[in-house]
Amino acid sequence: MQKFFTEYIEHERELTGGSDMATLRADRGAGPADQRAATESRRIWQAARVDLPILEYDPAADDLIRPGLLTRLAGDRLPRVGVVTFLGDISRGWIAEQGWQVGSVVDMVTGTFPVWTGSYHGATLALAELPVGAPAAVIVVEQMLAAGVDTIVAVGSCGALEPVDAGEFLLPVRALRDEGTSYHYLPPARWVETDAAVREACRSALEARGLKGTDCDTWTTDGFFRETAGLVARRREEGCTVVEMECAALAACAQFRGARYGQILYSADTLAGEEHDIRGWGHATRGTALLAALDAARLLVSTPGGHGDRVG
């Protein structure tokens, strides 16, 4: 931990000219921009000097919870490739029509989350509808990985930060880790990347349906009601096109467990204008998004998967 803080402070010292005096000099600069830069620099320095629990990453492969999970899952075996959705009744309705069977059940205090298995155009797949939010979503994916899944295709909506048409499909290349869960799976860093092979399968699946999947960077946040104008502007400056609540955490979990992860996002609401516009929350796109994710998963069945349940 101390090594991380030392390296962080040294990095900031390089950016600020070698000492706190650079901040003081900027305070006396010619205009408001200098003063804002100085204030931001002080905040970074203060954060680097605080013992923040979220940065206390433990790389140990073993934890105290998972052994019991593995014992309980002794009779469950899921297919290698799984689809996880944030599509609500669309996924559950499709599952009911197809007659897929429950292959595993994730029990939480607030309810149960089944993982279904079945055949899709000759490919045997797993599918789960996930709860919204990184911590709960990762709990379901952890059980899927423990039961044999080594490749995950996720699909769900996102909010636009830049002008993006409603219903447009986007493929996250990397996610900004502005949530808490990913820091328990990977060392502190600003970004986490998705798997290139899964991303290309998602692109091919969309193209086969006459649709385009555009690469993007996404902002993963826990604070739906804290997407402030200042933060939105900063995320745009960093290159984030969209915002959602799970991608960084799910990608980090997959990397830690030696699995592959990619995601199809479709644009729903937007923060690109002066006010938040829900634009129908993208409901009209959900059915197509589900089928595209299933198509991508089918393509991935014939490709080598992750190395499964190993820390990278």
Protein backbone atom coordinates (compact mmCIF):
# COMPACT_ATOMS: atom_id res chain seq x y z
CA MET A 1 0.00 0.00 0.00
CA GLN A 2 2.74 2.45 0.96
CA LYS A 3 4.55 1.65 -2.29
CA PHE A 4 1.41 2.55 -4.26
CA PHE A 5 1.02 5.87 -2.46
CA THR A 6 4.71 6.68 -2.94
CA GLU A 7 4.52 6.01 -6.69
CA TYR A 8 1.28 8.02 -6.93
CA ILE A 9 2.79 11.00 -5.16
CA GLU A 10 5.95 10.84 -7.27
CA HIS A 11 3.76 10.83 -10.40
CA GLU A 12 1.89 13.90 -9.21
CA ARG A 13 5.16 15.61 -8.30
CA GLU A 14 6.29 15.19 -11.90
CA LEU A 15 3.04 16.69 -13.16
CA THR A 16 3.18 19.65 -10.80
CA GLY A 17 6.84 20.54 -11.30
CA GLY A 18 8.53 18.85 -8.38
CA SER A 19 6.92 20.17 -5.19
CA ASP A 20 3.94 21.78 -3.53
CA MET A 21 5.45 25.11 -4.55
CA ALA A 22 4.18 24.49 -8.08
CA THR A 23 0.67 24.47 -6.66
CA LEU A 24 1.31 27.70 -4.79
CA ARG A 25 2.71 29.34 -7.91
CA ALA A 26 -0.33 28.24 -9.92
CA ASP A 27 -2.56 29.81 -7.29
CA ARG A 28 -0.98 33.13 -8.17
CA GLY A 29 -1.40 32.54 -11.91
CA ALA A 30 -2.95 34.90 -14.37
CA GLY A 31 -6.46 33.49 -14.51
CA PRO A 32 -9.19 31.18 -13.15
CA ALA A 33 -7.90 28.20 -15.14
CA ASP A 34 -4.63 28.29 -13.20
CA GLN A 35 -6.50 28.42 -9.92
CA ARG A 36 -8.76 25.52 -10.88
CA ALA A 37 -5.71 23.46 -11.85
CA ALA A 38 -4.08 24.25 -8.52
CA THR A 39 -7.19 23.23 -6.60
CA GLU A 40 -7.43 19.93 -8.51
CA SER A 41 -3.73 19.28 -7.88
CA ARG A 42 -4.20 19.76 -4.14
CA ARG A 43 -7.14 17.36 -4.14
CA ILE A 44 -5.08 14.68 -5.87
CA TRP A 45 -2.23 15.15 -3.42
CA GLN A 46 -4.59 14.95 -0.45
CA ALA A 47 -6.18 11.77 -1.78
CA ALA A 48 -2.76 10.19 -2.27
CA ARG A 49 -1.88 10.90 1.35
CA VAL A 50 -5.03 9.36 2.82
CA ASP A 51 -5.20 5.67 3.69
CA LEU A 52 -8.23 4.85 1.54
CA PRO A 53 -9.78 1.41 2.17
CA ILE A 54 -10.84 1.08 -1.48
CA LEU A 55 -7.16 0.96 -2.48
CA GLU A 56 -6.28 -1.92 -0.15
CA TYR A 57 -6.21 -4.55 -2.88
CA ASP A 58 -5.32 -8.08 -1.77
CA PRO A 59 -4.10 -10.26 -4.69
CA ALA A 60 -4.59 -13.51 -2.75
CA ALA A 61 -6.45 -16.04 -4.89
CA ASP A 62 -8.26 -17.57 -1.92
CA ASP A 63 -11.11 -16.00 0.04
CA LEU A 64 -13.27 -17.23 2.89
CA ILE A 65 -16.61 -17.37 1.03
CA ARG A 66 -15.91 -19.22 -2.21
CA PRO A 67 -14.97 -22.66 -0.80
CA GLY A 68 -18.48 -23.03 0.60
CA LEU A 69 -19.95 -21.92 -2.74
CA LEU A 70 -17.94 -24.55 -4.61
CA THR A 71 -19.21 -27.21 -2.22
CA ARG A 72 -22.83 -26.14 -2.74
CA LEU A 73 -22.33 -26.11 -6.53
CA ALA A 74 -20.86 -29.61 -6.66
CA GLY A 75 -23.81 -30.85 -8.73
CA ASP A 76 -24.08 -27.81 -11.01
CA ARG A 77 -22.27 -27.68 -14.31
CA LEU A 78 -22.91 -24.85 -16.75
CA PRO A 79 -21.89 -24.49 -20.42
CA ARG A 80 -18.60 -22.71 -21.18
CA VAL A 81 -20.20 -19.63 -22.72
CA GLY A 82 -22.77 -17.53 -20.90
CA VAL A 83 -24.92 -14.51 -21.70
CA VAL A 84 -25.78 -12.09 -18.90
CA THR A 85 -28.49 -9.52 -19.51
CA PHE A 86 -29.90 -6.32 -18.07
CA LEU A 87 -33.11 -6.58 -20.08
CA GLY A 88 -35.81 -7.45 -17.55
CA ASP A 89 -38.91 -9.17 -18.88
CA ILE A 90 -37.44 -9.43 -22.39
CA SER A 91 -34.95 -12.08 -21.25
CA ARG A 92 -37.38 -13.89 -18.98
CA GLY A 93 -40.04 -13.95 -21.69
CA TRP A 94 -37.63 -15.31 -24.28
CA ILE A 95 -36.45 -18.03 -21.86
CA ALA A 96 -40.03 -19.10 -21.21
CA GLU A 97 -40.74 -19.33 -24.95
CA GLN A 98 -37.62 -21.43 -25.57
CA GLY A 99 -38.23 -23.80 -22.69
CA TRP A 100 -34.70 -23.58 -21.31
CA GLN A 101 -34.01 -25.32 -18.03
CA VAL A 102 -32.58 -23.90 -14.79
CA GLY A 103 -28.97 -25.04 -14.48
CA SER A 104 -28.08 -23.19 -11.29
CA VAL A 105 -29.71 -20.76 -8.86
CA VAL A 106 -28.07 -17.80 -7.13
CA ASP A 107 -29.71 -17.19 -3.77
CA MET A 108 -29.65 -13.68 -2.33
CA VAL A 109 -31.48 -12.18 0.62
CA THR A 110 -33.74 -10.17 -1.70
CA GLY A 111 -34.55 -13.02 -4.06
CA THR A 112 -33.21 -15.74 -6.34
CA PHE A 113 -31.54 -15.37 -9.71
CA PRO A 114 -31.73 -18.46 -11.92
CA VAL A 115 -29.12 -19.32 -14.52
CA TRP A 116 -30.81 -21.06 -17.43
CA THR A 117 -29.23 -23.43 -19.94
CA GLY A 118 -30.39 -24.45 -23.39
CA SER A 119 -29.63 -24.69 -27.08
CA TYR A 120 -29.46 -21.71 -29.42
CA HIS A 121 -28.95 -22.56 -33.10
CA GLY A 122 -26.98 -25.65 -32.10
CA ALA A 123 -24.87 -24.01 -29.39
CA THR A 124 -25.40 -24.89 -25.72
CA LEU A 125 -25.35 -21.70 -23.66
CA ALA A 126 -26.06 -20.36 -20.18
CA LEU A 127 -28.13 -17.22 -19.61
CA ALA A 128 -28.84 -15.11 -16.53
CA GLU A 129 -30.74 -11.87 -16.00
CA LEU A 130 -28.59 -9.81 -13.62
CA PRO A 131 -29.58 -7.39 -10.88
CA VAL A 132 -28.66 -3.76 -11.55
CA GLY A 133 -25.49 -2.50 -9.87
CA ALA A 134 -21.95 -3.81 -9.81
CA PRO A 135 -21.78 -5.71 -6.48
CA ALA A 136 -24.96 -7.75 -7.00
CA ALA A 137 -24.24 -8.38 -10.69
CA VAL A 138 -20.79 -9.72 -9.85
CA ILE A 139 -22.23 -12.14 -7.28
CA VAL A 140 -24.28 -13.83 -10.01
CA VAL A 141 -21.35 -13.90 -12.44
CA GLU A 142 -19.05 -15.34 -9.75
CA GLN A 143 -21.40 -18.32 -9.36
CA MET A 144 -21.57 -18.79 -13.13
CA LEU A 145 -17.77 -18.84 -13.36
CA ALA A 146 -17.53 -21.25 -10.44
CA ALA A 147 -19.97 -23.59 -12.21
CA GLY A 148 -17.97 -23.81 -15.44
CA VAL A 149 -18.54 -20.66 -17.52
CA ASP A 150 -15.30 -19.20 -18.91
CA THR A 151 -16.65 -16.67 -21.43
CA ILE A 152 -19.27 -13.99 -20.74
CA VAL A 153 -21.22 -11.82 -23.17
CA ALA A 154 -23.14 -9.08 -21.35
CA VAL A 155 -25.87 -6.92 -22.86
CA GLY A 156 -27.69 -3.91 -21.49
CA SER A 157 -28.42 -0.23 -21.84
CA CYS A 158 -26.25 2.82 -21.29
CA GLY A 159 -26.65 6.56 -21.02
CA ALA A 160 -25.11 8.73 -23.72
CA LEU A 161 -22.57 11.38 -22.71
CA GLU A 162 -21.95 12.46 -26.29
CA PRO A 163 -24.52 12.79 -29.10
CA VAL A 164 -25.48 9.16 -29.75
CA ASP A 165 -28.76 8.15 -31.34
CA ALA A 166 -31.22 6.18 -29.22
CA GLY A 167 -30.85 2.49 -29.94
CA GLU A 168 -27.30 2.76 -31.29
CA PHE A 169 -25.07 -0.19 -30.37
CA LEU A 170 -21.70 0.35 -28.70
CA LEU A 171 -18.91 -2.04 -27.74
CA PRO A 172 -16.86 -1.00 -24.69
CA VAL A 173 -13.12 -1.33 -25.25
CA ARG A 174 -12.34 -0.16 -21.73
CA ALA A 175 -14.31 0.98 -18.70
CA LEU A 176 -13.45 3.79 -16.29
CA ARG A 177 -13.44 2.26 -12.81
CA ASP A 178 -15.59 4.77 -10.92
CA GLU A 179 -17.26 2.05 -8.84
CA GLY A 180 -16.06 0.03 -5.88
CA THR A 181 -16.25 -3.63 -6.83
CA SER A 182 -13.44 -3.77 -9.39
CA TYR A 183 -10.90 -2.65 -6.76
CA HIS A 184 -11.39 -5.98 -4.96
CA TYR A 185 -10.43 -7.88 -8.12
CA LEU A 186 -7.62 -5.87 -9.70
CA PRO A 187 -4.95 -3.48 -8.41
CA PRO A 188 -5.93 0.21 -8.35
CA ALA A 189 -5.96 1.69 -11.85
CA ARG A 190 -8.16 4.07 -13.78
CA TRP A 191 -9.29 1.70 -16.55
CA VAL A 192 -10.04 -1.97 -17.17
CA GLU A 193 -10.26 -3.45 -20.67
CA THR A 194 -12.72 -5.94 -22.10
CA ASP A 195 -11.65 -9.03 -24.04
CA ALA A 196 -10.82 -8.34 -27.70
CA ALA A 197 -12.08 -11.72 -29.00
CA VAL A 198 -15.44 -11.34 -27.26
CA ARG A 199 -15.72 -7.79 -28.54
CA GLU A 200 -15.10 -8.92 -32.13
CA ALA A 201 -17.71 -11.67 -31.80
CA CYS A 202 -20.20 -9.03 -30.65
CA ARG A 203 -19.30 -6.86 -33.63
CA SER A 204 -19.74 -9.78 -36.06
CA ALA A 205 -23.08 -10.69 -34.51
CA LEU A 206 -24.38 -7.15 -34.92
CA GLU A 207 -23.10 -6.89 -38.49
CA ALA A 208 -24.83 -10.15 -39.40
CA ARG A 209 -28.08 -8.44 -38.40
CA GLY A 210 -27.27 -5.37 -40.48
CA LEU A 211 -26.29 -3.35 -37.41
CA LYS A 212 -23.12 -1.50 -36.47
CA GLY A 213 -21.26 -1.84 -33.18
CA THR A 214 -19.11 1.22 -32.44
CA ASP A 215 -16.09 0.91 -30.15
CA CYS A 216 -16.22 3.19 -27.13
CA ASP A 217 -14.90 3.92 -23.67
CA THR A 218 -17.52 3.75 -20.93
CA TRP A 219 -17.81 5.32 -17.50
CA THR A 220 -18.90 2.77 -14.88
CA THR A 221 -20.37 4.46 -11.82
CA ASP A 222 -22.22 3.41 -8.67
CA GLY A 223 -23.90 6.80 -8.33
CA PHE A 224 -26.84 7.00 -10.72
CA PHE A 225 -28.13 10.13 -8.99
CA ARG A 226 -24.64 11.66 -8.72
CA GLU A 227 -23.93 12.11 -12.41
CA THR A 228 -23.26 15.81 -11.99
CA ALA A 229 -22.53 18.32 -14.72
CA GLY A 230 -18.94 18.59 -13.56
CA LEU A 231 -18.34 14.85 -13.58
CA VAL A 232 -20.04 14.39 -16.94
CA ALA A 233 -17.80 17.08 -18.43
CA ARG A 234 -14.70 15.46 -16.98
CA ARG A 235 -15.66 12.00 -18.23
CA ARG A 236 -16.19 13.41 -21.71
CA GLU A 237 -12.70 14.94 -21.58
CA GLU A 238 -11.31 11.51 -20.71
CA GLY A 239 -12.97 10.04 -23.78
CA CYS A 240 -16.02 8.33 -22.28
CA THR A 241 -18.91 8.18 -24.75
CA VAL A 242 -21.43 6.49 -22.46
CA VAL A 243 -22.15 5.70 -18.81
CA GLU A 244 -23.47 2.55 -17.12
CA MET A 245 -23.13 0.77 -13.76
CA GLU A 246 -21.52 -2.67 -14.18
CA CYS A 247 -19.00 -3.04 -17.01
CA ALA A 248 -15.80 -2.25 -15.09
CA ALA A 249 -16.70 -4.58 -12.22
CA LEU A 250 -17.70 -7.50 -14.45
CA ALA A 251 -14.60 -7.12 -16.61
CA ALA A 252 -12.37 -7.03 -13.51
CA CYS A 253 -14.04 -10.10 -12.00
CA ALA A 254 -13.61 -12.01 -15.26
CA GLN A 255 -9.93 -11.07 -15.50
CA PHE A 256 -9.30 -12.14 -11.92
CA ARG A 257 -10.96 -15.50 -12.54
CA GLY A 258 -9.17 -16.08 -15.84
CA ALA A 259 -12.33 -15.71 -17.93
CA ARG A 260 -13.21 -13.63 -21.02
CA TYR A 261 -15.68 -10.77 -20.87
CA GLY A 262 -17.22 -8.41 -23.39
CA GLN A 263 -20.40 -6.37 -23.59
CA ILE A 264 -22.96 -5.03 -26.04
CA LEU A 265 -24.44 -1.71 -24.96
CA TYR A 266 -27.35 0.08 -26.57
CA SER A 267 -27.94 3.79 -26.10
CA ALA A 268 -30.98 4.57 -23.99
CA ASP A 269 -31.20 7.84 -22.06
CA THR A 270 -28.88 10.77 -22.75
CA LEU A 271 -26.93 13.40 -20.84
CA ALA A 272 -25.52 14.92 -24.02
CA GLY A 273 -27.91 17.87 -23.95
CA GLU A 274 -28.63 20.49 -21.33
CA GLU A 275 -31.09 18.21 -19.51
CA HIS A 276 -31.45 14.49 -18.90
CA ASP A 277 -33.68 12.86 -21.53
CA ILE A 278 -34.84 9.31 -20.80
CA ARG A 279 -35.78 8.67 -24.48
CA GLY A 280 -37.99 5.76 -23.44
CA TRP A 281 -35.03 4.04 -21.71
CA GLY A 282 -34.25 2.22 -24.96
CA HIS A 283 -37.04 -0.32 -24.46
CA ALA A 284 -37.64 -0.72 -28.20
CA THR A 285 -34.08 -2.04 -28.66
CA ARG A 286 -34.06 -4.74 -25.99
CA GLY A 287 -35.27 -7.66 -28.10
CA THR A 288 -32.71 -7.06 -30.83
CA ALA A 289 -29.98 -6.58 -28.25
CA LEU A 290 -30.76 -9.95 -26.65
CA LEU A 291 -30.60 -11.81 -29.96
CA ALA A 292 -27.33 -10.11 -30.90
CA ALA A 293 -25.78 -11.17 -27.59
CA LEU A 294 -26.94 -14.76 -28.12
CA ASP A 295 -25.51 -14.70 -31.65
CA ALA A 296 -22.16 -13.50 -30.28
CA ALA A 297 -22.15 -16.22 -27.63
CA ARG A 298 -22.86 -18.85 -30.28
CA LEU A 299 -19.84 -17.65 -32.27
CA LEU A 300 -17.65 -17.92 -29.17
CA VAL A 301 -18.56 -21.53 -28.40
CA SER A 302 -16.12 -22.76 -31.05
CA THR A 303 -13.23 -20.55 -29.86
CA PRO A 304 -10.78 -21.25 -27.01
CA GLY A 305 -12.09 -19.80 -23.74
CA GLY A 306 -10.42 -18.36 -20.70
CA HIS A 307 -8.18 -20.50 -18.56
CA GLY A 308 -10.85 -20.62 -15.88
CA ASP A 309 -10.76 -19.85 -12.17
CA ARG A 310 -7.20 -18.56 -12.11
CA VAL A 311 -5.87 -15.19 -11.14
CA GLY A 312 -4.23 -13.52 -14.16
